Amino acid sequence: MRNILATAVLALTVALPVHAIESTFGAPLMVAANSQQDRMKTCNADAKTKALAGAERKAFMKTCLGGGKAEKAGTPQNRMKSCNKDAGVKGLKGAERKQFMSGCLKG
């Protein structure tokens, strides 16, 4: 009888805090996790469709998972850093680099 009572008390002790946490945070956390998972699936599918590999894939995934637009909407200095980094990853030189930088900085 003592074992049954002890088990019941232990179960309630564990269940009540878990229920409180789920009722407080459960739905918003699950939605956020699903949103991130959906974004990851979409970005992976896009990278596969474009046949990206190595550094190009890494740069694409970073932009895609970060939302892409948020980074371009930043300060001119941040855009310049980002565009320079992307041009370096792509190995662009001369006129190709100049054309890429122009388009990238315009947003």
N, C-alpha and C. Protein backbone atom coordinates (compact mmCIF):
# COMPACT_ATOMS: atom_id res chain seq x y z
N MET A 1 0.82 -1.18 0.00
CA MET A 1 0.00 0.00 0.00
C MET A 1 0.87 1.26 0.00
N ARG A 2 1.95 1.21 0.76
CA ARG A 2 2.85 2.37 0.81
C ARG A 2 3.47 2.63 -0.57
N ASN A 3 3.80 1.57 -1.28
CA ASN A 3 4.41 1.72 -2.61
C ASN A 3 3.45 2.40 -3.58
N ILE A 4 2.18 2.04 -3.52
CA ILE A 4 1.18 2.63 -4.41
C ILE A 4 1.02 4.10 -4.09
N LEU A 5 0.94 4.43 -2.79
CA LEU A 5 0.79 5.82 -2.37
C LEU A 5 2.02 6.64 -2.77
N ALA A 6 3.19 6.09 -2.57
CA ALA A 6 4.43 6.80 -2.92
C ALA A 6 4.50 7.03 -4.43
N THR A 7 4.09 6.04 -5.22
CA THR A 7 4.09 6.17 -6.67
C THR A 7 3.11 7.25 -7.12
N ALA A 8 1.94 7.30 -6.50
CA ALA A 8 0.94 8.31 -6.85
C ALA A 8 1.43 9.71 -6.53
N VAL A 9 2.06 9.88 -5.38
CA VAL A 9 2.58 11.20 -4.99
C VAL A 9 3.70 11.61 -5.94
N LEU A 10 4.56 10.69 -6.28
CA LEU A 10 5.65 10.99 -7.21
C LEU A 10 5.11 11.37 -8.59
N ALA A 11 4.11 10.66 -9.05
CA ALA A 11 3.51 10.95 -10.36
C ALA A 11 2.90 12.34 -10.38
N LEU A 12 2.20 12.71 -9.32
CA LEU A 12 1.60 14.05 -9.25
C LEU A 12 2.67 15.13 -9.15
N THR A 13 3.73 14.84 -8.41
CA THR A 13 4.81 15.81 -8.26
C THR A 13 5.46 16.12 -9.61
N VAL A 14 5.59 15.13 -10.45
CA VAL A 14 6.21 15.31 -11.76
C VAL A 14 5.19 15.88 -12.75
N ALA A 15 3.97 15.43 -12.71
CA ALA A 15 2.97 15.80 -13.70
C ALA A 15 2.52 17.25 -13.59
N LEU A 16 2.35 17.77 -12.40
CA LEU A 16 1.85 19.14 -12.25
C LEU A 16 2.79 20.19 -12.83
N PRO A 17 4.09 20.16 -12.54
CA PRO A 17 4.97 21.16 -13.15
C PRO A 17 5.05 21.03 -14.68
N VAL A 18 5.01 19.82 -15.18
CA VAL A 18 5.04 19.61 -16.63
C VAL A 18 3.79 20.20 -17.26
N HIS A 19 2.64 19.97 -16.64
CA HIS A 19 1.39 20.53 -17.15
C HIS A 19 1.43 22.06 -17.15
N ALA A 20 1.99 22.64 -16.08
CA ALA A 20 2.07 24.11 -15.99
C ALA A 20 2.97 24.66 -17.10
N ILE A 21 4.08 24.01 -17.36
CA ILE A 21 4.99 24.45 -18.41
C ILE A 21 4.33 24.33 -19.78
N GLU A 22 3.66 23.21 -20.04
CA GLU A 22 3.01 23.02 -21.33
C GLU A 22 1.91 24.03 -21.55
N SER A 23 1.11 24.31 -20.50
CA SER A 23 0.01 25.26 -20.69
C SER A 23 0.53 26.68 -20.87
N THR A 24 1.68 26.98 -20.31
CA THR A 24 2.23 28.32 -20.44
C THR A 24 2.99 28.50 -21.75
N PHE A 25 3.83 27.53 -22.12
CA PHE A 25 4.73 27.70 -23.26
C PHE A 25 4.48 26.75 -24.42
N GLY A 26 3.67 25.75 -24.25
CA GLY A 26 3.53 24.68 -25.23
C GLY A 26 3.24 25.12 -26.65
N ALA A 27 2.15 25.81 -26.87
CA ALA A 27 1.74 26.14 -28.24
C ALA A 27 2.72 27.06 -28.95
N PRO A 28 3.14 28.18 -28.36
CA PRO A 28 4.06 29.06 -29.10
C PRO A 28 5.39 28.38 -29.44
N LEU A 29 5.91 27.56 -28.54
CA LEU A 29 7.18 26.90 -28.82
C LEU A 29 7.04 25.90 -29.96
N MET A 30 5.95 25.18 -30.00
CA MET A 30 5.75 24.20 -31.06
C MET A 30 5.59 24.89 -32.41
N VAL A 31 4.91 26.01 -32.45
CA VAL A 31 4.73 26.74 -33.70
C VAL A 31 6.07 27.26 -34.20
N ALA A 32 6.89 27.80 -33.30
CA ALA A 32 8.19 28.32 -33.70
C ALA A 32 9.08 27.19 -34.21
N ALA A 33 9.04 26.05 -33.55
CA ALA A 33 9.88 24.93 -33.98
C ALA A 33 9.43 24.45 -35.36
N ASN A 34 8.13 24.36 -35.58
CA ASN A 34 7.64 23.91 -36.87
C ASN A 34 7.99 24.91 -37.96
N SER A 35 7.93 26.19 -37.65
CA SER A 35 8.28 27.21 -38.64
C SER A 35 9.74 27.07 -39.06
N GLN A 36 10.63 26.89 -38.09
CA GLN A 36 12.06 26.72 -38.38
C GLN A 36 12.29 25.44 -39.17
N GLN A 37 11.59 24.38 -38.80
CA GLN A 37 11.73 23.12 -39.52
C GLN A 37 11.26 23.26 -40.96
N ASP A 38 10.15 23.96 -41.16
CA ASP A 38 9.64 24.17 -42.51
C ASP A 38 10.62 24.98 -43.34
N ARG A 39 11.20 26.00 -42.72
CA ARG A 39 12.17 26.84 -43.44
C ARG A 39 13.39 26.00 -43.83
N MET A 40 13.85 25.13 -42.92
CA MET A 40 15.00 24.28 -43.20
C MET A 40 14.70 23.33 -44.36
N LYS A 41 13.50 22.74 -44.36
CA LYS A 41 13.11 21.84 -45.46
C LYS A 41 13.10 22.59 -46.79
N THR A 42 12.50 23.77 -46.78
CA THR A 42 12.40 24.56 -48.01
C THR A 42 13.78 24.96 -48.53
N CYS A 43 14.63 25.44 -47.63
CA CYS A 43 15.97 25.87 -48.04
C CYS A 43 16.79 24.70 -48.57
N ASN A 44 16.69 23.54 -47.92
CA ASN A 44 17.41 22.35 -48.40
C ASN A 44 16.93 21.94 -49.79
N ALA A 45 15.62 21.98 -49.98
CA ALA A 45 15.06 21.62 -51.29
C ALA A 45 15.54 22.60 -52.36
N ASP A 46 15.55 23.89 -52.04
CA ASP A 46 16.01 24.89 -53.00
C ASP A 46 17.49 24.71 -53.35
N ALA A 47 18.30 24.43 -52.33
CA ALA A 47 19.73 24.22 -52.56
C ALA A 47 19.96 22.98 -53.43
N LYS A 48 19.16 21.94 -53.20
CA LYS A 48 19.29 20.72 -54.00
C LYS A 48 18.87 20.98 -55.45
N THR A 49 17.79 21.74 -55.63
CA THR A 49 17.31 22.07 -56.97
C THR A 49 18.36 22.86 -57.74
N LYS A 50 19.04 23.77 -57.05
CA LYS A 50 20.06 24.59 -57.69
C LYS A 50 21.40 23.88 -57.80
N ALA A 51 21.47 22.65 -57.27
CA ALA A 51 22.70 21.83 -57.31
C ALA A 51 23.89 22.56 -56.67
N LEU A 52 23.66 23.19 -55.54
CA LEU A 52 24.72 23.91 -54.84
C LEU A 52 25.52 22.95 -53.98
N ALA A 53 26.82 23.23 -53.86
CA ALA A 53 27.68 22.40 -53.04
C ALA A 53 28.76 23.28 -52.41
N GLY A 54 29.31 22.81 -51.34
CA GLY A 54 30.44 23.47 -50.70
C GLY A 54 30.11 24.85 -50.17
N ALA A 55 31.01 25.80 -50.46
CA ALA A 55 30.88 27.16 -49.94
C ALA A 55 29.63 27.87 -50.49
N GLU A 56 29.30 27.59 -51.75
CA GLU A 56 28.11 28.22 -52.33
C GLU A 56 26.85 27.78 -51.58
N ARG A 57 26.77 26.49 -51.27
CA ARG A 57 25.61 25.96 -50.53
C ARG A 57 25.55 26.58 -49.13
N LYS A 58 26.71 26.68 -48.49
CA LYS A 58 26.76 27.23 -47.14
C LYS A 58 26.28 28.69 -47.14
N ALA A 59 26.74 29.48 -48.10
CA ALA A 59 26.32 30.88 -48.19
C ALA A 59 24.83 30.98 -48.49
N PHE A 60 24.35 30.12 -49.40
CA PHE A 60 22.93 30.12 -49.73
C PHE A 60 22.08 29.76 -48.52
N MET A 61 22.48 28.72 -47.80
CA MET A 61 21.71 28.26 -46.64
C MET A 61 21.69 29.34 -45.54
N LYS A 62 22.80 30.02 -45.36
CA LYS A 62 22.85 31.08 -44.34
C LYS A 62 21.87 32.19 -44.69
N THR A 63 21.86 32.59 -45.94
CA THR A 63 20.94 33.64 -46.38
C THR A 63 19.50 33.16 -46.31
N CYS A 64 19.26 31.95 -46.77
CA CYS A 64 17.90 31.41 -46.82
C CYS A 64 17.33 31.24 -45.41
N LEU A 65 18.09 30.65 -44.51
CA LEU A 65 17.60 30.42 -43.15
C LEU A 65 17.47 31.70 -42.36
N GLY A 66 18.29 32.70 -42.70
CA GLY A 66 18.21 33.98 -42.01
C GLY A 66 17.09 34.86 -42.54
N GLY A 67 16.43 34.43 -43.55
CA GLY A 67 15.35 35.21 -44.13
C GLY A 67 15.80 35.98 -45.36
N GLY A 68 17.10 36.18 -45.52
CA GLY A 68 17.62 36.85 -46.71
C GLY A 68 17.34 38.33 -46.74
N LYS A 69 16.10 38.75 -46.65
CA LYS A 69 15.73 40.15 -46.77
C LYS A 69 16.18 40.96 -45.57
N ALA A 70 16.19 40.36 -44.41
CA ALA A 70 16.58 41.08 -43.19
C ALA A 70 18.03 41.53 -43.28
N GLU A 71 18.88 40.70 -43.87
CA GLU A 71 20.29 41.04 -43.98
C GLU A 71 20.49 42.19 -44.97
N LYS A 72 19.77 42.19 -46.08
CA LYS A 72 19.92 43.24 -47.07
C LYS A 72 19.31 44.55 -46.61
N ALA A 73 18.36 44.48 -45.68
CA ALA A 73 17.71 45.69 -45.19
C ALA A 73 18.55 46.39 -44.12
N GLY A 74 19.72 45.83 -43.79
CA GLY A 74 20.56 46.40 -42.76
C GLY A 74 21.26 47.67 -43.21
N THR A 75 22.23 48.07 -42.45
CA THR A 75 22.98 49.27 -42.75
C THR A 75 23.83 49.06 -44.00
N PRO A 76 24.21 50.14 -44.68
CA PRO A 76 25.07 50.00 -45.86
C PRO A 76 26.38 49.27 -45.55
N GLN A 77 26.91 49.50 -44.35
CA GLN A 77 28.15 48.83 -43.97
C GLN A 77 27.95 47.31 -43.89
N ASN A 78 26.82 46.89 -43.30
CA ASN A 78 26.54 45.46 -43.20
C ASN A 78 26.29 44.85 -44.58
N ARG A 79 25.61 45.60 -45.44
CA ARG A 79 25.39 45.10 -46.80
C ARG A 79 26.71 44.93 -47.54
N MET A 80 27.62 45.90 -47.38
CA MET A 80 28.92 45.83 -48.03
C MET A 80 29.69 44.60 -47.54
N LYS A 81 29.67 44.35 -46.24
CA LYS A 81 30.35 43.17 -45.69
C LYS A 81 29.77 41.90 -46.29
N SER A 82 28.46 41.82 -46.29
CA SER A 82 27.79 40.63 -46.79
C SER A 82 28.06 40.41 -48.27
N CYS A 83 27.98 41.47 -49.06
CA CYS A 83 28.21 41.35 -50.50
C CYS A 83 29.66 40.97 -50.79
N ASN A 84 30.61 41.57 -50.07
CA ASN A 84 32.02 41.23 -50.24
C ASN A 84 32.27 39.76 -49.92
N LYS A 85 31.65 39.30 -48.85
CA LYS A 85 31.82 37.91 -48.44
C LYS A 85 31.25 36.98 -49.51
N ASP A 86 30.06 37.28 -50.00
CA ASP A 86 29.44 36.45 -51.03
C ASP A 86 30.26 36.44 -52.31
N ALA A 87 30.79 37.61 -52.70
CA ALA A 87 31.62 37.69 -53.90
C ALA A 87 32.90 36.87 -53.72
N GLY A 88 33.46 36.90 -52.52
CA GLY A 88 34.66 36.11 -52.24
C GLY A 88 34.38 34.62 -52.29
N VAL A 89 33.23 34.22 -51.75
CA VAL A 89 32.85 32.80 -51.76
C VAL A 89 32.67 32.32 -53.20
N LYS A 90 32.11 33.17 -54.03
CA LYS A 90 31.87 32.81 -55.43
C LYS A 90 33.14 32.94 -56.28
N GLY A 91 34.17 33.55 -55.73
CA GLY A 91 35.44 33.70 -56.44
C GLY A 91 35.37 34.66 -57.61
N LEU A 92 34.56 35.70 -57.49
CA LEU A 92 34.39 36.65 -58.59
C LEU A 92 35.55 37.64 -58.65
N LYS A 93 35.93 38.00 -59.88
CA LYS A 93 37.03 38.97 -60.11
C LYS A 93 36.62 39.93 -61.22
N GLY A 94 37.24 41.09 -61.22
CA GLY A 94 37.08 42.06 -62.29
C GLY A 94 35.65 42.51 -62.53
N ALA A 95 35.26 42.51 -63.80
CA ALA A 95 33.94 43.00 -64.21
C ALA A 95 32.80 42.19 -63.60
N GLU A 96 33.01 40.87 -63.47
CA GLU A 96 31.97 40.03 -62.87
C GLU A 96 31.71 40.45 -61.43
N ARG A 97 32.80 40.70 -60.70
CA ARG A 97 32.67 41.12 -59.30
C ARG A 97 31.97 42.47 -59.21
N LYS A 98 32.38 43.40 -60.08
CA LYS A 98 31.79 44.74 -60.07
C LYS A 98 30.28 44.66 -60.34
N GLN A 99 29.88 43.85 -61.31
CA GLN A 99 28.47 43.71 -61.64
C GLN A 99 27.71 43.05 -60.48
N PHE A 100 28.29 42.02 -59.89
CA PHE A 100 27.67 41.36 -58.76
C PHE A 100 27.51 42.32 -57.59
N MET A 101 28.55 43.06 -57.26
CA MET A 101 28.51 44.00 -56.14
C MET A 101 27.45 45.08 -56.36
N SER A 102 27.34 45.57 -57.58
CA SER A 102 26.35 46.60 -57.88
C SER A 102 24.94 46.08 -57.60
N GLY A 103 24.65 44.90 -58.11
CA GLY A 103 23.33 44.32 -57.89
C GLY A 103 23.08 43.97 -56.43
N CYS A 104 24.09 43.47 -55.77
CA CYS A 104 23.95 43.07 -54.37
C CYS A 104 23.71 44.27 -53.47
N LEU A 105 24.44 45.35 -53.69
CA LEU A 105 24.30 46.54 -52.85
C LEU A 105 22.97 47.27 -53.05
N LYS A 106 22.40 47.11 -54.24
CA LYS A 106 21.09 47.72 -54.48
C LYS A 106 19.98 47.00 -53.74
N GLY A 107 20.26 45.74 -53.42
CA GLY A 107 19.26 44.97 -52.65
C GLY A 107 18.42 44.21 -53.54
